[in-house]
Amino acid sequence: MAKLVPIFSVVAGIYWTIAAFGYGLWVNHGPGGGVFPLAAGVILIPCGGMSIYKQIRNHTEVPLNRDAAYPFAAVIFSIAASYAIGLIPALALYVVLWLKGYEKKTWANSLFTGAVTGVALFLIFSYWLKVPVPIGIFEQLLY
């Protein structure tokens, strides 16, 4: 498991670096939707590469920790939910469920934080940056 994380980081970094150019790096005299994915990809590639190098060089085996699987399961759930309900509602739902289920926060705290997260993501990416965010199957049926 410990070796999969840096490999996944490098693969995800390569994907986002390439995908960033499709979103446009500089549009209408300002940063486009591809600036953040490009930055994330450029950071992920060397960080994952250094982690792979360190693991090969040190030959250390890290025991498998069951708690380490929760973030991966949460990401897979969020990706699947984004196809059904859209990316922003899926991420807001992720925050609510993570805070309630894993962090053991109250429902009021979890729902408030999820709502603020959803509004903030909408304002930042859809409204101000004009990033084409996936809307999901259910929202497509409304149009």
C-alpha atoms as a PDB file:
ATOM      1  CA  MET A   1       0.000   0.000   0.000  1.00  0.00           C
ATOM      2  CA  ALA A   2       2.803   2.407   0.870  1.00  0.00           C
ATOM      3  CA  LYS A   3       4.300   1.958  -2.591  1.00  0.00           C
ATOM      4  CA  LEU A   4       0.991   2.569  -4.350  1.00  0.00           C
ATOM      5  CA  VAL A   5       0.543   6.094  -2.993  1.00  0.00           C
ATOM      6  CA  PRO A   6       3.669   7.618  -4.603  1.00  0.00           C
ATOM      7  CA  ILE A   7       3.057   5.721  -7.842  1.00  0.00           C
ATOM      8  CA  PHE A   8      -0.517   7.012  -7.896  1.00  0.00           C
ATOM      9  CA  SER A   9       0.796  10.518  -7.155  1.00  0.00           C
ATOM     10  CA  VAL A  10       3.126  10.446 -10.153  1.00  0.00           C
ATOM     11  CA  VAL A  11       0.413   9.052 -12.455  1.00  0.00           C
ATOM     12  CA  ALA A  12      -2.136  11.619 -11.220  1.00  0.00           C
ATOM     13  CA  GLY A  13       0.446  14.386 -11.606  1.00  0.00           C
ATOM     14  CA  ILE A  14       1.147  13.397 -15.203  1.00  0.00           C
ATOM     15  CA  TYR A  15      -2.582  13.219 -15.937  1.00  0.00           C
ATOM     16  CA  TRP A  16      -3.344  16.659 -14.447  1.00  0.00           C
ATOM     17  CA  THR A  17      -0.328  18.256 -16.090  1.00  0.00           C
ATOM     18  CA  ILE A  18      -1.529  17.062 -19.494  1.00  0.00           C
ATOM     19  CA  ALA A  19      -5.220  17.791 -18.789  1.00  0.00           C
ATOM     20  CA  ALA A  20      -4.420  21.350 -17.681  1.00  0.00           C
ATOM     21  CA  PHE A  21      -3.587  22.386 -21.223  1.00  0.00           C
ATOM     22  CA  GLY A  22      -7.080  21.344 -22.352  1.00  0.00           C
ATOM     23  CA  TYR A  23      -8.680  23.712 -19.842  1.00  0.00           C
ATOM     24  CA  GLY A  24      -6.580  26.664 -20.946  1.00  0.00           C
ATOM     25  CA  LEU A  25      -3.776  28.161 -18.918  1.00  0.00           C
ATOM     26  CA  TRP A  26      -4.269  31.822 -19.784  1.00  0.00           C
ATOM     27  CA  VAL A  27      -7.579  33.082 -21.168  1.00  0.00           C
ATOM     28  CA  ASN A  28      -8.916  36.609 -21.585  1.00  0.00           C
ATOM     29  CA  HIS A  29      -5.852  38.255 -20.030  1.00  0.00           C
ATOM     30  CA  GLY A  30      -6.060  36.146 -16.858  1.00  0.00           C
ATOM     31  CA  PRO A  31      -5.471  32.685 -15.463  1.00  0.00           C
ATOM     32  CA  GLY A  32      -7.690  29.993 -16.895  1.00  0.00           C
ATOM     33  CA  GLY A  33      -9.102  26.778 -15.530  1.00  0.00           C
ATOM     34  CA  GLY A  34      -5.914  24.865 -16.216  1.00  0.00           C
ATOM     35  CA  VAL A  35      -3.623  26.832 -13.910  1.00  0.00           C
ATOM     36  CA  PHE A  36      -4.511  24.955 -10.721  1.00  0.00           C
ATOM     37  CA  PRO A  37      -4.406  21.447 -12.271  1.00  0.00           C
ATOM     38  CA  LEU A  38      -1.036  22.317 -13.825  1.00  0.00           C
ATOM     39  CA  ALA A  39       0.332  23.500 -10.478  1.00  0.00           C
ATOM     40  CA  ALA A  40      -0.981  20.392  -8.714  1.00  0.00           C
ATOM     41  CA  GLY A  41       0.491  18.116 -11.374  1.00  0.00           C
ATOM     42  CA  VAL A  42       3.860  19.840 -11.327  1.00  0.00           C
ATOM     43  CA  ILE A  43       3.988  19.414  -7.539  1.00  0.00           C
ATOM     44  CA  LEU A  44       2.728  15.803  -7.493  1.00  0.00           C
ATOM     45  CA  ILE A  45       5.246  14.437 -10.005  1.00  0.00           C
ATOM     46  CA  PRO A  46       8.482  15.295  -8.156  1.00  0.00           C
ATOM     47  CA  CYS A  47       6.981  14.627  -4.710  1.00  0.00           C
ATOM     48  CA  GLY A  48       5.812  11.167  -5.755  1.00  0.00           C
ATOM     49  CA  GLY A  49       9.105  10.547  -7.540  1.00  0.00           C
ATOM     50  CA  MET A  50      11.127  11.491  -4.460  1.00  0.00           C
ATOM     51  CA  SER A  51       8.976   9.206  -2.320  1.00  0.00           C
ATOM     52  CA  ILE A  52       9.493   6.298  -4.727  1.00  0.00           C
ATOM     53  CA  TYR A  53      13.245   6.956  -4.725  1.00  0.00           C
ATOM     54  CA  LYS A  54      13.317   7.084  -0.914  1.00  0.00           C
ATOM     55  CA  GLN A  55      11.424   3.798  -0.596  1.00  0.00           C
ATOM     56  CA  ILE A  56      13.696   2.043  -3.090  1.00  0.00           C
ATOM     57  CA  ARG A  57      16.828   3.435  -1.462  1.00  0.00           C
ATOM     58  CA  ASN A  58      15.868   2.634   2.143  1.00  0.00           C
ATOM     59  CA  HIS A  59      14.080  -0.682   1.491  1.00  0.00           C
ATOM     60  CA  THR A  60      11.726   0.038   4.351  1.00  0.00           C
ATOM     61  CA  GLU A  61       8.476  -1.825   4.682  1.00  0.00           C
ATOM     62  CA  VAL A  62       5.660   0.096   6.278  1.00  0.00           C
ATOM     63  CA  PRO A  63       3.015  -2.045   7.979  1.00  0.00           C
ATOM     64  CA  LEU A  64      -0.432  -1.774   6.441  1.00  0.00           C
ATOM     65  CA  ASN A  65      -2.704   0.465   8.468  1.00  0.00           C
ATOM     66  CA  ARG A  66      -6.420   0.006   7.929  1.00  0.00           C
ATOM     67  CA  ASP A  67      -7.084   3.698   8.670  1.00  0.00           C
ATOM     68  CA  ALA A  68      -4.969   4.594   5.632  1.00  0.00           C
ATOM     69  CA  ALA A  69      -7.639   3.085   3.361  1.00  0.00           C
ATOM     70  CA  TYR A  70     -10.353   5.515   4.477  1.00  0.00           C
ATOM     71  CA  PRO A  71      -9.109   8.493   2.429  1.00  0.00           C
ATOM     72  CA  PHE A  72      -8.842   6.309  -0.690  1.00  0.00           C
ATOM     73  CA  ALA A  73     -12.371   4.992  -0.194  1.00  0.00           C
ATOM     74  CA  ALA A  74     -13.605   8.548   0.362  1.00  0.00           C
ATOM     75  CA  VAL A  75     -11.960   9.759  -2.852  1.00  0.00           C
ATOM     76  CA  ILE A  76     -13.450   6.864  -4.853  1.00  0.00           C
ATOM     77  CA  PHE A  77     -16.868   7.640  -3.358  1.00  0.00           C
ATOM     78  CA  SER A  78     -16.489  11.334  -4.220  1.00  0.00           C
ATOM     79  CA  ILE A  79     -15.534  10.565  -7.811  1.00  0.00           C
ATOM     80  CA  ALA A  80     -18.500   8.210  -8.223  1.00  0.00           C
ATOM     81  CA  ALA A  81     -20.853  10.712  -6.584  1.00  0.00           C
ATOM     82  CA  SER A  82     -19.587  13.513  -8.831  1.00  0.00           C
ATOM     83  CA  TYR A  83     -20.919  11.660 -11.872  1.00  0.00           C
ATOM     84  CA  ALA A  84     -24.352  11.408 -10.274  1.00  0.00           C
ATOM     85  CA  ILE A  85     -24.788  14.726  -8.445  1.00  0.00           C
ATOM     86  CA  GLY A  86     -21.958  16.886  -9.780  1.00  0.00           C
ATOM     87  CA  LEU A  87     -18.511  17.696  -8.472  1.00  0.00           C
ATOM     88  CA  ILE A  88     -19.328  20.527  -6.077  1.00  0.00           C
ATOM     89  CA  PRO A  89     -22.247  18.768  -4.308  1.00  0.00           C
ATOM     90  CA  ALA A  90     -20.165  15.563  -4.154  1.00  0.00           C
ATOM     91  CA  LEU A  91     -17.284  17.370  -2.456  1.00  0.00           C
ATOM     92  CA  ALA A  92     -19.652  19.106  -0.038  1.00  0.00           C
ATOM     93  CA  LEU A  93     -21.229  15.716   0.757  1.00  0.00           C
ATOM     94  CA  TYR A  94     -17.739  14.264   1.222  1.00  0.00           C
ATOM     95  CA  VAL A  95     -16.937  16.953   3.796  1.00  0.00           C
ATOM     96  CA  VAL A  96     -20.192  16.295   5.672  1.00  0.00           C
ATOM     97  CA  LEU A  97     -19.739  12.520   5.750  1.00  0.00           C
ATOM     98  CA  TRP A  98     -16.038  12.721   6.608  1.00  0.00           C
ATOM     99  CA  LEU A  99     -16.630  15.101   9.496  1.00  0.00           C
ATOM    100  CA  LYS A 100     -19.556  13.083  10.853  1.00  0.00           C
ATOM    101  CA  GLY A 101     -18.240   9.567  10.222  1.00  0.00           C
ATOM    102  CA  TYR A 102     -14.484   9.816  10.662  1.00  0.00           C
ATOM    103  CA  GLU A 103     -13.932  12.930  12.752  1.00  0.00           C
ATOM    104  CA  LYS A 104     -17.035  12.265  14.919  1.00  0.00           C
ATOM    105  CA  LYS A 105     -18.263  15.878  14.757  1.00  0.00           C
ATOM    106  CA  THR A 106     -21.874  16.857  15.413  1.00  0.00           C
ATOM    107  CA  TRP A 107     -24.416  16.899  12.596  1.00  0.00           C
ATOM    108  CA  ALA A 108     -24.808  20.658  12.928  1.00  0.00           C
ATOM    109  CA  ASN A 109     -21.071  21.250  12.615  1.00  0.00           C
ATOM    110  CA  SER A 110     -20.750  18.782   9.732  1.00  0.00           C
ATOM    111  CA  LEU A 111     -23.700  20.193   7.771  1.00  0.00           C
ATOM    112  CA  PHE A 112     -22.607  23.791   8.305  1.00  0.00           C
ATOM    113  CA  THR A 113     -19.041  23.059   7.197  1.00  0.00           C
ATOM    114  CA  GLY A 114     -20.284  21.080   4.180  1.00  0.00           C
ATOM    115  CA  ALA A 115     -22.603  23.913   3.143  1.00  0.00           C
ATOM    116  CA  VAL A 116     -19.843  26.518   3.499  1.00  0.00           C
ATOM    117  CA  THR A 117     -17.503  24.261   1.511  1.00  0.00           C
ATOM    118  CA  GLY A 118     -20.059  23.845  -1.278  1.00  0.00           C
ATOM    119  CA  VAL A 119     -20.748  27.574  -1.508  1.00  0.00           C
ATOM    120  CA  ALA A 120     -17.031  28.405  -1.418  1.00  0.00           C
ATOM    121  CA  LEU A 121     -16.226  25.867  -4.149  1.00  0.00           C
ATOM    122  CA  PHE A 122     -19.061  27.194  -6.308  1.00  0.00           C
ATOM    123  CA  LEU A 123     -17.984  30.811  -5.891  1.00  0.00           C
ATOM    124  CA  ILE A 124     -14.291  30.130  -6.474  1.00  0.00           C
ATOM    125  CA  PHE A 125     -14.424  27.707  -9.382  1.00  0.00           C
ATOM    126  CA  SER A 126     -17.759  28.221 -11.160  1.00  0.00           C
ATOM    127  CA  TYR A 127     -18.404  31.911 -10.545  1.00  0.00           C
ATOM    128  CA  TRP A 128     -14.998  33.630 -10.338  1.00  0.00           C
ATOM    129  CA  LEU A 129     -12.607  31.343 -12.228  1.00  0.00           C
ATOM    130  CA  LYS A 130     -15.243  30.061 -14.697  1.00  0.00           C
ATOM    131  CA  VAL A 131     -13.823  26.527 -14.506  1.00  0.00           C
ATOM    132  CA  PRO A 132     -16.025  23.988 -16.325  1.00  0.00           C
ATOM    133  CA  VAL A 133     -17.029  21.849 -13.332  1.00  0.00           C
ATOM    134  CA  PRO A 134     -18.787  18.498 -13.984  1.00  0.00           C
ATOM    135  CA  ILE A 135     -22.470  18.879 -13.147  1.00  0.00           C
ATOM    136  CA  GLY A 136     -23.579  15.241 -12.921  1.00  0.00           C
ATOM    137  CA  ILE A 137     -26.390  13.201 -14.411  1.00  0.00           C
ATOM    138  CA  PHE A 138     -29.197  14.481 -12.171  1.00  0.00           C
ATOM    139  CA  GLU A 139     -28.454  18.124 -12.888  1.00  0.00           C
ATOM    140  CA  GLN A 140     -28.244  17.414 -16.630  1.00  0.00           C
ATOM    141  CA  LEU A 141     -31.785  16.042 -16.482  1.00  0.00           C
ATOM    142  CA  LEU A 142     -33.009  19.407 -15.167  1.00  0.00           C
ATOM    143  CA  TYR A 143     -31.908  21.232 -18.317  1.00  0.00           C
END
